Amino acid sequence: MKTRYLVSRRNHDSDALFLSREHQSQGFNCLIMANAGLPGAGQNDRFNNTAAVLKLTSLLTTTLVNEARMSFQRNGVLPRTKQQFTDTGVGITPVTPQIDLLAPLTVLGQFDSGGQTEPNFNLTNQFQWGDQISWSRGKHTIRAGGEFEHIQWPWAFSGISKGWLLFQTFPDFLLGLSACAPGTFPSSCNGTNPGSTNGERRQQYNRDSFGGAYSP
């Protein structure tokens, strides 16, 4: 939308406003393997964009023109998961207790499940103030001006707190042992003693879910 307004004989105002809203609903949402995502963890995305500009042009003299401008842009992205499962619902202790959503799960070369790193809230606000003066004399015109910009970027990336369950093989996924703690690989956590735990809770969960336990 654009408007023009003649403030006075020497002052002219012109304004512009742009708004856009785009909402997406995805049935499959995979973290790294786009063609191997399992159903059940879709995503609802909201994209909002706003841009506005106010400009005042003033004819100060017959040879001197001033243009003052103020503009603003706001861009927002709000992904929301359709995931209905939780970490606690499948016997997993959440990395962040306040974010009790099932973490994305990947078995390399097999499948992706559990969505991505949503939810998160990504918003940017951009403000600009500028002024330009133009002086004409004979066949010559001299222009000078300046601009100041302020940017706000509050990014609330809570979904990354879910973590990411990554398995190299499908048998590793069935085994269900804990991951190596930082600094323990390969001294105390390795192929002989993966996860430094017997994995009883996870193996019980695998028996309930798959009808049998896997033993390496």
N, C-alpha and C. Protein backbone atom coordinates (compact mmCIF):
# COMPACT_ATOMS: atom_id res chain seq x y z
N MET A 1 0.84 -1.17 0.00
CA MET A 1 0.00 0.00 0.00
C MET A 1 0.89 1.23 0.00
N LYS A 2 0.56 2.19 -0.85
CA LYS A 2 1.32 3.43 -0.94
C LYS A 2 0.38 4.62 -0.83
N THR A 3 0.86 5.67 -0.17
CA THR A 3 0.08 6.91 -0.06
C THR A 3 1.00 8.09 -0.33
N ARG A 4 0.40 9.14 -0.85
CA ARG A 4 1.13 10.39 -1.08
C ARG A 4 0.27 11.54 -0.54
N TYR A 5 0.96 12.48 0.11
CA TYR A 5 0.22 13.57 0.73
C TYR A 5 1.01 14.86 0.57
N LEU A 6 0.31 15.90 0.05
CA LEU A 6 0.94 17.20 -0.12
C LEU A 6 0.73 17.99 1.17
N VAL A 7 1.76 18.01 2.02
CA VAL A 7 1.66 18.68 3.31
C VAL A 7 1.52 20.19 3.12
N SER A 8 2.36 20.73 2.27
CA SER A 8 2.31 22.16 1.93
C SER A 8 2.90 22.33 0.54
N ARG A 9 3.00 23.55 0.12
CA ARG A 9 3.52 23.80 -1.21
C ARG A 9 4.97 23.34 -1.34
N ARG A 10 5.70 23.32 -0.24
CA ARG A 10 7.11 22.96 -0.28
C ARG A 10 7.42 21.60 0.37
N ASN A 11 6.42 20.93 0.92
CA ASN A 11 6.65 19.66 1.62
C ASN A 11 5.72 18.58 1.09
N HIS A 12 6.33 17.44 0.76
CA HIS A 12 5.58 16.33 0.17
C HIS A 12 5.89 15.06 0.96
N ASP A 13 4.84 14.37 1.40
CA ASP A 13 5.00 13.14 2.19
C ASP A 13 4.60 11.94 1.33
N SER A 14 5.42 10.87 1.38
CA SER A 14 5.10 9.62 0.69
C SER A 14 5.37 8.46 1.65
N ASP A 15 4.41 7.55 1.74
CA ASP A 15 4.49 6.42 2.67
C ASP A 15 4.21 5.12 1.92
N ALA A 16 4.77 4.01 2.46
CA ALA A 16 4.54 2.69 1.87
C ALA A 16 4.48 1.66 2.99
N LEU A 17 3.60 0.68 2.80
CA LEU A 17 3.43 -0.39 3.79
C LEU A 17 3.26 -1.71 3.06
N PHE A 18 4.01 -2.72 3.52
CA PHE A 18 3.92 -4.07 2.94
C PHE A 18 3.71 -5.07 4.07
N LEU A 19 2.72 -5.94 3.92
CA LEU A 19 2.42 -6.98 4.90
C LEU A 19 2.31 -8.32 4.18
N SER A 20 2.87 -9.37 4.77
CA SER A 20 2.71 -10.71 4.22
C SER A 20 2.59 -11.71 5.35
N ARG A 21 1.73 -12.70 5.14
CA ARG A 21 1.53 -13.77 6.11
C ARG A 21 1.53 -15.09 5.35
N GLU A 22 2.39 -15.99 5.74
CA GLU A 22 2.46 -17.30 5.08
C GLU A 22 2.49 -18.39 6.14
N HIS A 23 1.52 -19.29 6.07
CA HIS A 23 1.44 -20.38 7.02
C HIS A 23 1.60 -21.71 6.27
N GLN A 24 2.42 -22.58 6.81
CA GLN A 24 2.67 -23.88 6.19
C GLN A 24 2.37 -24.99 7.18
N SER A 25 1.84 -26.08 6.64
CA SER A 25 1.58 -27.27 7.44
C SER A 25 2.27 -28.45 6.75
N GLN A 26 3.28 -29.01 7.42
CA GLN A 26 4.06 -30.10 6.84
C GLN A 26 3.72 -31.40 7.55
N GLY A 27 3.45 -32.43 6.77
CA GLY A 27 3.14 -33.73 7.35
C GLY A 27 4.38 -34.51 7.74
N PHE A 28 5.48 -34.30 7.02
CA PHE A 28 6.75 -34.97 7.29
C PHE A 28 7.81 -33.91 7.54
N ASN A 29 8.56 -34.09 8.58
CA ASN A 29 9.59 -33.11 8.92
C ASN A 29 10.81 -33.86 9.45
N CYS A 30 11.87 -33.90 8.65
CA CYS A 30 13.05 -34.70 9.00
C CYS A 30 14.25 -33.79 9.20
N LEU A 31 15.15 -34.23 10.06
CA LEU A 31 16.28 -33.39 10.42
C LEU A 31 17.38 -33.39 9.37
N ILE A 32 17.81 -34.58 8.90
CA ILE A 32 18.92 -34.62 7.94
C ILE A 32 18.61 -35.44 6.69
N MET A 33 17.67 -36.39 6.76
CA MET A 33 17.39 -37.23 5.60
C MET A 33 15.99 -36.90 5.09
N ALA A 34 15.94 -35.99 4.12
CA ALA A 34 14.66 -35.47 3.66
C ALA A 34 13.78 -36.54 3.03
N ASN A 35 14.35 -37.58 2.48
CA ASN A 35 13.56 -38.60 1.80
C ASN A 35 13.32 -39.83 2.66
N ALA A 36 13.64 -39.75 3.94
CA ALA A 36 13.48 -40.92 4.82
C ALA A 36 12.82 -40.54 6.14
N GLY A 37 11.94 -39.53 6.10
CA GLY A 37 11.25 -39.11 7.32
C GLY A 37 10.03 -39.97 7.59
N LEU A 38 9.88 -40.40 8.82
CA LEU A 38 8.71 -41.18 9.22
C LEU A 38 7.56 -40.25 9.58
N PRO A 39 6.32 -40.67 9.36
CA PRO A 39 5.17 -39.81 9.69
C PRO A 39 5.01 -39.66 11.19
N GLY A 40 4.21 -38.69 11.58
CA GLY A 40 3.88 -38.51 12.98
C GLY A 40 4.56 -37.34 13.66
N ALA A 41 5.42 -36.64 12.95
CA ALA A 41 6.14 -35.50 13.55
C ALA A 41 6.18 -34.35 12.57
N GLY A 42 5.01 -33.92 12.11
CA GLY A 42 4.94 -32.80 11.18
C GLY A 42 5.21 -31.48 11.87
N GLN A 43 5.01 -30.41 11.13
CA GLN A 43 5.35 -29.09 11.66
C GLN A 43 4.40 -28.05 11.09
N ASN A 44 3.97 -27.11 11.94
CA ASN A 44 3.20 -25.94 11.53
C ASN A 44 4.11 -24.73 11.59
N ASP A 45 4.29 -24.04 10.46
CA ASP A 45 5.17 -22.89 10.39
C ASP A 45 4.36 -21.62 10.11
N ARG A 46 4.75 -20.55 10.76
CA ARG A 46 4.14 -19.25 10.53
C ARG A 46 5.25 -18.26 10.17
N PHE A 47 5.09 -17.62 9.01
CA PHE A 47 6.04 -16.62 8.55
C PHE A 47 5.31 -15.28 8.42
N ASN A 48 5.76 -14.28 9.15
CA ASN A 48 5.14 -12.96 9.13
C ASN A 48 6.18 -11.91 8.76
N ASN A 49 5.85 -11.05 7.81
CA ASN A 49 6.77 -10.01 7.35
C ASN A 49 6.05 -8.68 7.25
N THR A 50 6.68 -7.65 7.77
CA THR A 50 6.13 -6.29 7.72
C THR A 50 7.25 -5.33 7.31
N ALA A 51 6.94 -4.43 6.40
CA ALA A 51 7.91 -3.41 5.97
C ALA A 51 7.16 -2.09 5.80
N ALA A 52 7.70 -1.02 6.35
CA ALA A 52 7.06 0.29 6.25
C ALA A 52 8.13 1.35 6.06
N VAL A 53 7.77 2.41 5.33
CA VAL A 53 8.70 3.52 5.11
C VAL A 53 7.90 4.83 5.08
N LEU A 54 8.44 5.83 5.76
CA LEU A 54 7.88 7.19 5.75
C LEU A 54 8.95 8.13 5.20
N LYS A 55 8.57 8.96 4.22
CA LYS A 55 9.55 9.84 3.60
C LYS A 55 8.96 11.22 3.41
N LEU A 56 9.68 12.23 3.88
CA LEU A 56 9.26 13.62 3.74
C LEU A 56 10.28 14.36 2.88
N THR A 57 9.82 14.89 1.76
CA THR A 57 10.67 15.65 0.85
C THR A 57 10.31 17.13 0.97
N SER A 58 11.32 17.92 1.25
CA SER A 58 11.09 19.36 1.49
C SER A 58 11.93 20.18 0.51
N LEU A 59 11.28 21.12 -0.15
CA LEU A 59 11.97 22.07 -1.04
C LEU A 59 12.31 23.30 -0.22
N LEU A 60 13.55 23.31 0.30
CA LEU A 60 13.95 24.39 1.19
C LEU A 60 14.14 25.70 0.43
N THR A 61 14.81 25.65 -0.72
CA THR A 61 14.97 26.80 -1.62
C THR A 61 14.81 26.27 -3.04
N THR A 62 14.99 27.12 -3.99
CA THR A 62 14.89 26.70 -5.39
C THR A 62 16.04 25.78 -5.79
N THR A 63 17.11 25.74 -4.99
CA THR A 63 18.27 24.90 -5.32
C THR A 63 18.59 23.87 -4.24
N LEU A 64 17.86 23.87 -3.15
CA LEU A 64 18.18 23.01 -2.02
C LEU A 64 16.97 22.15 -1.65
N VAL A 65 17.16 20.82 -1.68
CA VAL A 65 16.08 19.87 -1.38
C VAL A 65 16.55 18.93 -0.27
N ASN A 66 15.68 18.68 0.71
CA ASN A 66 16.00 17.76 1.80
C ASN A 66 15.00 16.60 1.80
N GLU A 67 15.53 15.39 2.03
CA GLU A 67 14.69 14.20 2.09
C GLU A 67 14.98 13.46 3.40
N ALA A 68 13.98 13.41 4.27
CA ALA A 68 14.10 12.69 5.54
C ALA A 68 13.30 11.39 5.44
N ARG A 69 13.90 10.32 5.97
CA ARG A 69 13.26 9.00 5.81
C ARG A 69 13.36 8.22 7.12
N MET A 70 12.29 7.49 7.42
CA MET A 70 12.27 6.55 8.53
C MET A 70 11.62 5.26 8.02
N SER A 71 12.28 4.12 8.28
CA SER A 71 11.75 2.84 7.78
C SER A 71 11.86 1.77 8.86
N PHE A 72 11.10 0.72 8.66
CA PHE A 72 11.01 -0.35 9.67
C PHE A 72 10.70 -1.66 8.97
N GLN A 73 11.38 -2.74 9.38
CA GLN A 73 11.09 -4.10 8.89
C GLN A 73 10.99 -5.04 10.09
N ARG A 74 10.02 -5.93 10.01
CA ARG A 74 9.83 -6.94 11.06
C ARG A 74 9.59 -8.28 10.38
N ASN A 75 10.47 -9.26 10.66
CA ASN A 75 10.38 -10.58 10.05
C ASN A 75 10.33 -11.62 11.16
N GLY A 76 9.30 -12.44 11.15
CA GLY A 76 9.14 -13.43 12.20
C GLY A 76 8.93 -14.82 11.65
N VAL A 77 9.54 -15.80 12.31
CA VAL A 77 9.37 -17.21 11.97
C VAL A 77 8.99 -17.94 13.25
N LEU A 78 7.89 -18.68 13.19
CA LEU A 78 7.41 -19.38 14.38
C LEU A 78 7.08 -20.83 14.02
N PRO A 79 8.07 -21.74 14.05
CA PRO A 79 7.79 -23.16 13.79
C PRO A 79 7.23 -23.83 15.04
N ARG A 80 6.21 -24.65 14.84
CA ARG A 80 5.60 -25.40 15.93
C ARG A 80 5.45 -26.86 15.50
N THR A 81 5.83 -27.77 16.38
CA THR A 81 5.80 -29.18 16.04
C THR A 81 4.40 -29.77 16.21
N LYS A 82 4.11 -30.80 15.42
CA LYS A 82 2.90 -31.60 15.60
C LYS A 82 3.18 -32.85 16.43
N GLN A 83 4.40 -32.96 16.92
CA GLN A 83 4.81 -34.13 17.69
C GLN A 83 3.94 -34.28 18.94
N GLN A 84 3.38 -35.46 19.14
CA GLN A 84 2.53 -35.73 20.29
C GLN A 84 3.24 -36.54 21.37
N PHE A 85 4.41 -37.09 21.05
CA PHE A 85 5.14 -37.92 22.01
C PHE A 85 6.08 -37.07 22.85
N THR A 86 6.36 -37.54 24.04
CA THR A 86 7.26 -36.85 24.96
C THR A 86 8.39 -37.78 25.38
N ASP A 87 9.47 -37.20 25.87
CA ASP A 87 10.58 -38.01 26.38
C ASP A 87 10.12 -38.87 27.56
N THR A 88 9.44 -38.24 28.51
CA THR A 88 9.01 -38.99 29.69
C THR A 88 8.01 -40.08 29.33
N GLY A 89 7.26 -39.90 28.25
CA GLY A 89 6.29 -40.90 27.84
C GLY A 89 6.92 -42.18 27.32
N VAL A 90 8.19 -42.11 26.90
CA VAL A 90 8.88 -43.30 26.41
C VAL A 90 10.06 -43.67 27.31
N GLY A 91 10.08 -43.13 28.53
CA GLY A 91 11.10 -43.52 29.49
C GLY A 91 12.43 -42.81 29.35
N ILE A 92 12.45 -41.66 28.71
CA ILE A 92 13.68 -40.90 28.55
C ILE A 92 13.62 -39.67 29.46
N THR A 93 14.70 -39.40 30.17
CA THR A 93 14.78 -38.19 30.98
C THR A 93 15.12 -37.00 30.08
N PRO A 94 14.27 -35.99 30.01
CA PRO A 94 14.54 -34.85 29.12
C PRO A 94 15.85 -34.16 29.48
N VAL A 95 16.57 -33.72 28.47
CA VAL A 95 17.78 -32.94 28.70
C VAL A 95 17.44 -31.66 29.46
N THR A 96 16.36 -31.02 29.05
CA THR A 96 15.83 -29.84 29.75
C THR A 96 14.43 -30.19 30.24
N PRO A 97 14.21 -30.26 31.56
CA PRO A 97 12.91 -30.70 32.07
C PRO A 97 11.72 -29.89 31.55
N GLN A 98 11.94 -28.60 31.27
CA GLN A 98 10.84 -27.76 30.79
C GLN A 98 10.48 -28.05 29.34
N ILE A 99 11.36 -28.74 28.60
CA ILE A 99 11.10 -29.06 27.19
C ILE A 99 10.91 -30.56 27.09
N ASP A 100 9.72 -31.02 27.43
CA ASP A 100 9.45 -32.45 27.43
C ASP A 100 8.81 -32.86 26.11
N LEU A 101 9.60 -32.82 25.05
CA LEU A 101 9.19 -33.27 23.73
C LEU A 101 10.18 -34.33 23.27
N LEU A 102 9.68 -35.35 22.57
CA LEU A 102 10.57 -36.40 22.09
C LEU A 102 11.60 -35.81 21.14
N ALA A 103 12.86 -36.07 21.43
CA ALA A 103 13.95 -35.52 20.62
C ALA A 103 13.95 -36.13 19.22
N PRO A 104 14.44 -35.39 18.22
CA PRO A 104 14.63 -35.98 16.89
C PRO A 104 15.50 -37.22 16.97
N LEU A 105 15.16 -38.22 16.19
CA LEU A 105 15.87 -39.51 16.22
C LEU A 105 16.28 -39.87 14.80
N THR A 106 17.55 -40.19 14.63
CA THR A 106 18.08 -40.56 13.32
C THR A 106 18.86 -41.85 13.41
N VAL A 107 18.53 -42.80 12.56
CA VAL A 107 19.36 -43.98 12.35
C VAL A 107 20.00 -43.78 10.98
N LEU A 108 21.30 -43.56 10.96
CA LEU A 108 21.98 -43.18 9.73
C LEU A 108 21.76 -44.20 8.63
N GLY A 109 21.37 -43.69 7.47
CA GLY A 109 21.11 -44.55 6.33
C GLY A 109 19.78 -45.27 6.37
N GLN A 110 18.98 -45.06 7.44
CA GLN A 110 17.71 -45.78 7.58
C GLN A 110 16.53 -44.82 7.59
N PHE A 111 16.41 -44.00 8.62
CA PHE A 111 15.23 -43.13 8.73
C PHE A 111 15.49 -42.00 9.71
N ASP A 112 14.64 -40.98 9.58
CA ASP A 112 14.55 -39.87 10.52
C ASP A 112 13.16 -39.90 11.16
N SER A 113 13.09 -39.51 12.42
CA SER A 113 11.81 -39.45 13.11
C SER A 113 11.88 -38.36 14.17
N GLY A 114 10.72 -37.87 14.56
CA GLY A 114 10.66 -36.91 15.67
C GLY A 114 10.80 -35.46 15.29
N GLY A 115 10.74 -35.14 13.99
CA GLY A 115 10.79 -33.74 13.59
C GLY A 115 12.19 -33.16 13.61
N GLN A 116 12.26 -31.84 13.85
CA GLN A 116 13.54 -31.14 13.87
C GLN A 116 13.75 -30.48 15.22
N THR A 117 14.24 -29.26 15.21
CA THR A 117 14.57 -28.59 16.46
C THR A 117 13.51 -27.56 16.85
N GLU A 118 12.28 -27.75 16.39
CA GLU A 118 11.20 -26.90 16.85
C GLU A 118 10.76 -27.35 18.25
N PRO A 119 10.13 -26.49 19.06
CA PRO A 119 9.71 -25.13 18.72
C PRO A 119 10.83 -24.11 18.89
N ASN A 120 10.72 -23.05 18.09
CA ASN A 120 11.60 -21.90 18.32
C ASN A 120 10.90 -20.64 17.82
N PHE A 121 11.34 -19.52 18.30
CA PHE A 121 10.74 -18.23 17.97
C PHE A 121 11.85 -17.32 17.48
N ASN A 122 11.82 -16.99 16.19
CA ASN A 122 12.88 -16.21 15.57
C ASN A 122 12.29 -14.92 15.01
N LEU A 123 12.66 -13.80 15.57
CA LEU A 123 12.08 -12.52 15.21
C LEU A 123 13.18 -11.48 15.06
N THR A 124 13.09 -10.67 14.00
CA THR A 124 14.03 -9.55 13.82
C THR A 124 13.24 -8.27 13.62
N ASN A 125 13.68 -7.20 14.29
CA ASN A 125 13.15 -5.85 14.10
C ASN A 125 14.30 -4.97 13.62
N GLN A 126 14.06 -4.25 12.52
CA GLN A 126 15.09 -3.40 11.94
C GLN A 126 14.54 -1.99 11.78
N PHE A 127 15.27 -1.01 12.31
CA PHE A 127 14.86 0.39 12.25
C PHE A 127 15.95 1.19 11.53
N GLN A 128 15.52 2.08 10.64
CA GLN A 128 16.46 2.95 9.93
C GLN A 128 15.94 4.39 9.96
N TRP A 129 16.89 5.30 10.20
CA TRP A 129 16.61 6.73 10.11
C TRP A 129 17.66 7.34 9.20
N GLY A 130 17.22 8.08 8.20
CA GLY A 130 18.17 8.65 7.25
C GLY A 130 17.76 10.05 6.81
N ASP A 131 18.74 10.79 6.38
CA ASP A 131 18.47 12.14 5.86
C ASP A 131 19.45 12.42 4.73
N GLN A 132 18.93 13.08 3.68
CA GLN A 132 19.76 13.40 2.52
C GLN A 132 19.42 14.80 2.05
N ILE A 133 20.45 15.55 1.72
CA ILE A 133 20.26 16.90 1.21
C ILE A 133 20.89 17.00 -0.17
N SER A 134 20.21 17.71 -1.05
CA SER A 134 20.68 17.86 -2.43
C SER A 134 20.74 19.35 -2.78
N TRP A 135 21.91 19.76 -3.31
CA TRP A 135 22.12 21.17 -3.67
C TRP A 135 22.48 21.26 -5.14
N SER A 136 21.73 22.03 -5.88
CA SER A 136 21.96 22.20 -7.32
C SER A 136 22.47 23.61 -7.60
N ARG A 137 23.49 23.65 -8.46
CA ARG A 137 24.04 24.94 -8.89
C ARG A 137 24.50 24.80 -10.33
N GLY A 138 23.81 25.48 -11.19
CA GLY A 138 24.15 25.41 -12.60
C GLY A 138 23.94 23.98 -13.13
N LYS A 139 24.99 23.43 -13.73
CA LYS A 139 24.93 22.07 -14.26
C LYS A 139 25.35 21.02 -13.24
N HIS A 140 25.59 21.41 -12.01
CA HIS A 140 26.13 20.48 -11.01
C HIS A 140 25.15 20.29 -9.85
N THR A 141 25.18 19.06 -9.30
CA THR A 141 24.35 18.71 -8.15
C THR A 141 25.23 17.99 -7.13
N ILE A 142 25.16 18.43 -5.90
CA ILE A 142 25.91 17.81 -4.81
C ILE A 142 24.92 17.21 -3.82
N ARG A 143 25.16 15.95 -3.46
CA ARG A 143 24.30 15.27 -2.50
C ARG A 143 25.13 14.78 -1.31
N ALA A 144 24.53 14.86 -0.15
CA ALA A 144 25.18 14.37 1.07
C ALA A 144 24.10 13.90 2.03
N GLY A 145 24.44 12.90 2.85
CA GLY A 145 23.45 12.39 3.78
C GLY A 145 24.04 11.34 4.69
N GLY A 146 23.21 10.80 5.52
CA GLY A 146 23.64 9.77 6.45
C GLY A 146 22.47 8.91 6.88
N GLU A 147 22.80 7.77 7.49
CA GLU A 147 21.76 6.84 7.93
C GLU A 147 22.20 6.15 9.22
N PHE A 148 21.25 5.94 10.10
CA PHE A 148 21.48 5.19 11.32
C PHE A 148 20.53 4.00 11.33
N GLU A 149 21.06 2.82 11.74
CA GLU A 149 20.25 1.60 11.74
C GLU A 149 20.38 0.90 13.09
N HIS A 150 19.27 0.41 13.58
CA HIS A 150 19.24 -0.36 14.83
C HIS A 150 18.52 -1.68 14.56
N ILE A 151 19.14 -2.81 14.98
CA ILE A 151 18.59 -4.14 14.73
C ILE A 151 18.39 -4.87 16.05
N GLN A 152 17.24 -5.46 16.21
CA GLN A 152 16.93 -6.32 17.35
C GLN A 152 16.71 -7.74 16.83
N TRP A 153 17.32 -8.72 17.50
CA TRP A 153 17.17 -10.12 17.07
C TRP A 153 16.98 -11.01 18.29
N PRO A 154 15.80 -11.00 18.89
CA PRO A 154 15.53 -11.92 20.01
C PRO A 154 15.16 -13.30 19.49
N TRP A 155 16.06 -14.24 19.61
CA TRP A 155 15.85 -15.59 19.09
C TRP A 155 15.68 -16.54 20.27
N ALA A 156 14.48 -17.03 20.47
CA ALA A 156 14.19 -18.00 21.53
C ALA A 156 14.20 -19.39 20.91
N PHE A 157 15.34 -20.11 21.04
CA PHE A 157 15.54 -21.39 20.37
C PHE A 157 15.39 -22.51 21.40
N SER A 158 14.19 -22.62 21.97
CA SER A 158 13.99 -23.61 23.03
C SER A 158 14.05 -25.05 22.52
N GLY A 159 13.68 -25.26 21.26
CA GLY A 159 13.63 -26.61 20.72
C GLY A 159 14.97 -27.31 20.66
N ILE A 160 16.07 -26.54 20.59
CA ILE A 160 17.38 -27.17 20.52
C ILE A 160 17.72 -27.87 21.82
N SER A 161 16.99 -27.51 22.90
CA SER A 161 17.23 -28.15 24.20
C SER A 161 16.74 -29.59 24.25
N LYS A 162 15.99 -30.02 23.23
CA LYS A 162 15.53 -31.41 23.20
C LYS A 162 16.69 -32.37 22.97
N GLY A 163 17.76 -31.88 22.36
CA GLY A 163 18.85 -32.78 21.98
C GLY A 163 18.54 -33.49 20.67
N TRP A 164 19.35 -34.49 20.36
CA TRP A 164 19.21 -35.23 19.10
C TRP A 164 19.75 -36.63 19.31
N LEU A 165 18.91 -37.63 19.08
CA LEU A 165 19.31 -39.02 19.24
C LEU A 165 19.83 -39.54 17.90
N LEU A 166 21.11 -39.83 17.84
CA LEU A 166 21.76 -40.25 16.59
C LEU A 166 22.36 -41.63 16.77
N PHE A 167 21.96 -42.57 15.90
CA PHE A 167 22.47 -43.94 15.96
C PHE A 167 23.14 -44.27 14.62
N GLN A 168 24.29 -44.92 14.71
CA GLN A 168 25.00 -45.25 13.49
C GLN A 168 24.36 -46.42 12.74
N THR A 169 23.78 -47.36 13.48
CA THR A 169 23.16 -48.53 12.84
C THR A 169 21.83 -48.83 13.52
N PHE A 170 20.99 -49.63 12.86
CA PHE A 170 19.71 -50.02 13.45
C PHE A 170 19.90 -50.92 14.68
N PRO A 171 20.88 -51.86 14.70
CA PRO A 171 21.12 -52.61 15.94
C PRO A 171 21.48 -51.72 17.12
N ASP A 172 22.23 -50.64 16.86
CA ASP A 172 22.54 -49.70 17.95
C ASP A 172 21.25 -49.09 18.50
N PHE A 173 20.32 -48.78 17.60
CA PHE A 173 19.03 -48.22 18.03
C PHE A 173 18.26 -49.22 18.88
N LEU A 174 18.25 -50.50 18.51
CA LEU A 174 17.54 -51.51 19.29
C LEU A 174 18.20 -51.75 20.64
N LEU A 175 19.53 -51.64 20.69
CA LEU A 175 20.24 -51.87 21.93
C LEU A 175 19.84 -50.86 23.00
N GLY A 176 19.74 -49.59 22.61
CA GLY A 176 19.18 -48.58 23.50
C GLY A 176 20.02 -48.20 24.68
N LEU A 177 21.36 -48.32 24.62
CA LEU A 177 22.20 -47.91 25.73
C LEU A 177 22.37 -46.39 25.73
N SER A 178 22.78 -45.88 26.89
CA SER A 178 23.04 -44.45 26.98
C SER A 178 24.25 -44.07 26.14
N ALA A 179 24.33 -42.80 25.79
CA ALA A 179 25.47 -42.32 25.03
C ALA A 179 26.68 -42.15 25.94
N CYS A 180 27.85 -41.99 25.32
CA CYS A 180 29.06 -41.76 26.09
C CYS A 180 29.02 -40.37 26.71
N ALA A 181 29.36 -40.30 27.97
CA ALA A 181 29.45 -39.01 28.64
C ALA A 181 30.65 -38.25 28.11
N PRO A 182 30.63 -36.92 28.14
CA PRO A 182 31.77 -36.14 27.64
C PRO A 182 33.07 -36.55 28.31
N GLY A 183 34.11 -36.78 27.50
CA GLY A 183 35.43 -37.10 28.02
C GLY A 183 35.65 -38.57 28.33
N THR A 184 34.65 -39.45 28.07
CA THR A 184 34.81 -40.87 28.41
C THR A 184 35.15 -41.74 27.21
N PHE A 185 35.08 -41.19 25.99
CA PHE A 185 35.39 -41.98 24.81
C PHE A 185 36.83 -41.71 24.39
N PRO A 186 37.63 -42.75 24.08
CA PRO A 186 37.30 -44.18 24.11
C PRO A 186 37.82 -44.90 25.36
N SER A 187 38.26 -44.15 26.38
CA SER A 187 38.90 -44.78 27.53
C SER A 187 37.96 -45.72 28.28
N SER A 188 36.82 -45.20 28.75
CA SER A 188 35.88 -46.04 29.52
C SER A 188 34.59 -46.29 28.79
N CYS A 189 34.32 -45.55 27.72
CA CYS A 189 33.11 -45.74 26.92
C CYS A 189 33.54 -46.05 25.50
N ASN A 190 33.29 -47.30 25.05
CA ASN A 190 33.77 -47.72 23.74
C ASN A 190 32.89 -48.85 23.23
N GLY A 191 33.34 -49.50 22.17
CA GLY A 191 32.54 -50.57 21.59
C GLY A 191 32.34 -51.75 22.51
N THR A 192 33.31 -52.02 23.38
CA THR A 192 33.18 -53.12 24.34
C THR A 192 32.23 -52.76 25.46
N ASN A 193 32.27 -51.53 25.89
CA ASN A 193 31.40 -51.06 26.97
C ASN A 193 30.68 -49.80 26.51
N PRO A 194 29.73 -49.93 25.57
CA PRO A 194 29.06 -48.73 25.03
C PRO A 194 28.18 -48.07 26.07
N GLY A 195 28.36 -46.77 26.23
CA GLY A 195 27.52 -46.02 27.13
C GLY A 195 27.85 -46.18 28.59
N SER A 196 28.83 -47.06 28.94
CA SER A 196 29.21 -47.30 30.33
C SER A 196 28.00 -47.64 31.20
N THR A 197 27.06 -48.39 30.68
CA THR A 197 25.86 -48.74 31.43
C THR A 197 25.32 -50.05 30.89
N ASN A 198 24.54 -50.76 31.70
CA ASN A 198 23.97 -52.01 31.21
C ASN A 198 22.70 -51.80 30.39
N GLY A 199 22.16 -50.59 30.43
CA GLY A 199 21.02 -50.27 29.58
C GLY A 199 19.76 -51.03 29.91
N GLU A 200 19.54 -51.43 31.15
CA GLU A 200 18.40 -52.27 31.49
C GLU A 200 17.08 -51.59 31.18
N ARG A 201 16.96 -50.30 31.54
CA ARG A 201 15.70 -49.62 31.31
C ARG A 201 15.38 -49.55 29.83
N ARG A 202 16.37 -49.20 29.01
CA ARG A 202 16.14 -49.09 27.58
C ARG A 202 15.87 -50.45 26.94
N GLN A 203 16.54 -51.50 27.41
CA GLN A 203 16.31 -52.81 26.83
C GLN A 203 14.90 -53.29 27.18
N GLN A 204 14.43 -52.96 28.37
CA GLN A 204 13.06 -53.31 28.73
C GLN A 204 12.08 -52.59 27.81
N TYR A 205 12.38 -51.32 27.55
CA TYR A 205 11.52 -50.55 26.65
C TYR A 205 11.53 -51.15 25.26
N ASN A 206 12.68 -51.61 24.79
CA ASN A 206 12.76 -52.23 23.47
C ASN A 206 11.97 -53.54 23.42
N ARG A 207 11.99 -54.30 24.49
CA ARG A 207 11.22 -55.55 24.50
C ARG A 207 9.73 -55.25 24.39
N ASP A 208 9.30 -54.20 25.10
CA ASP A 208 7.88 -53.85 25.05
C ASP A 208 7.48 -53.34 23.67
N SER A 209 8.39 -52.60 23.04
CA SER A 209 8.03 -51.94 21.79
C SER A 209 8.19 -52.85 20.57
N PHE A 210 9.25 -53.64 20.56
CA PHE A 210 9.56 -54.41 19.36
C PHE A 210 9.29 -55.90 19.52
N GLY A 211 8.93 -56.32 20.70
CA GLY A 211 8.60 -57.74 20.91
C GLY A 211 9.82 -58.61 21.10
N GLY A 212 10.98 -58.06 21.29
CA GLY A 212 12.17 -58.87 21.52
C GLY A 212 13.35 -57.99 21.86
N ALA A 213 14.27 -58.51 22.59
CA ALA A 213 15.45 -57.73 22.97
C ALA A 213 16.62 -58.11 22.08
N TYR A 214 17.43 -57.13 21.79
CA TYR A 214 18.60 -57.36 20.94
C TYR A 214 19.82 -57.52 21.86
N SER A 215 20.61 -58.52 21.60
CA SER A 215 21.84 -58.75 22.36
C SER A 215 23.01 -58.73 21.40
N PRO A 216 24.03 -57.90 21.65
CA PRO A 216 25.18 -57.81 20.74
C PRO A 216 26.03 -59.07 20.79
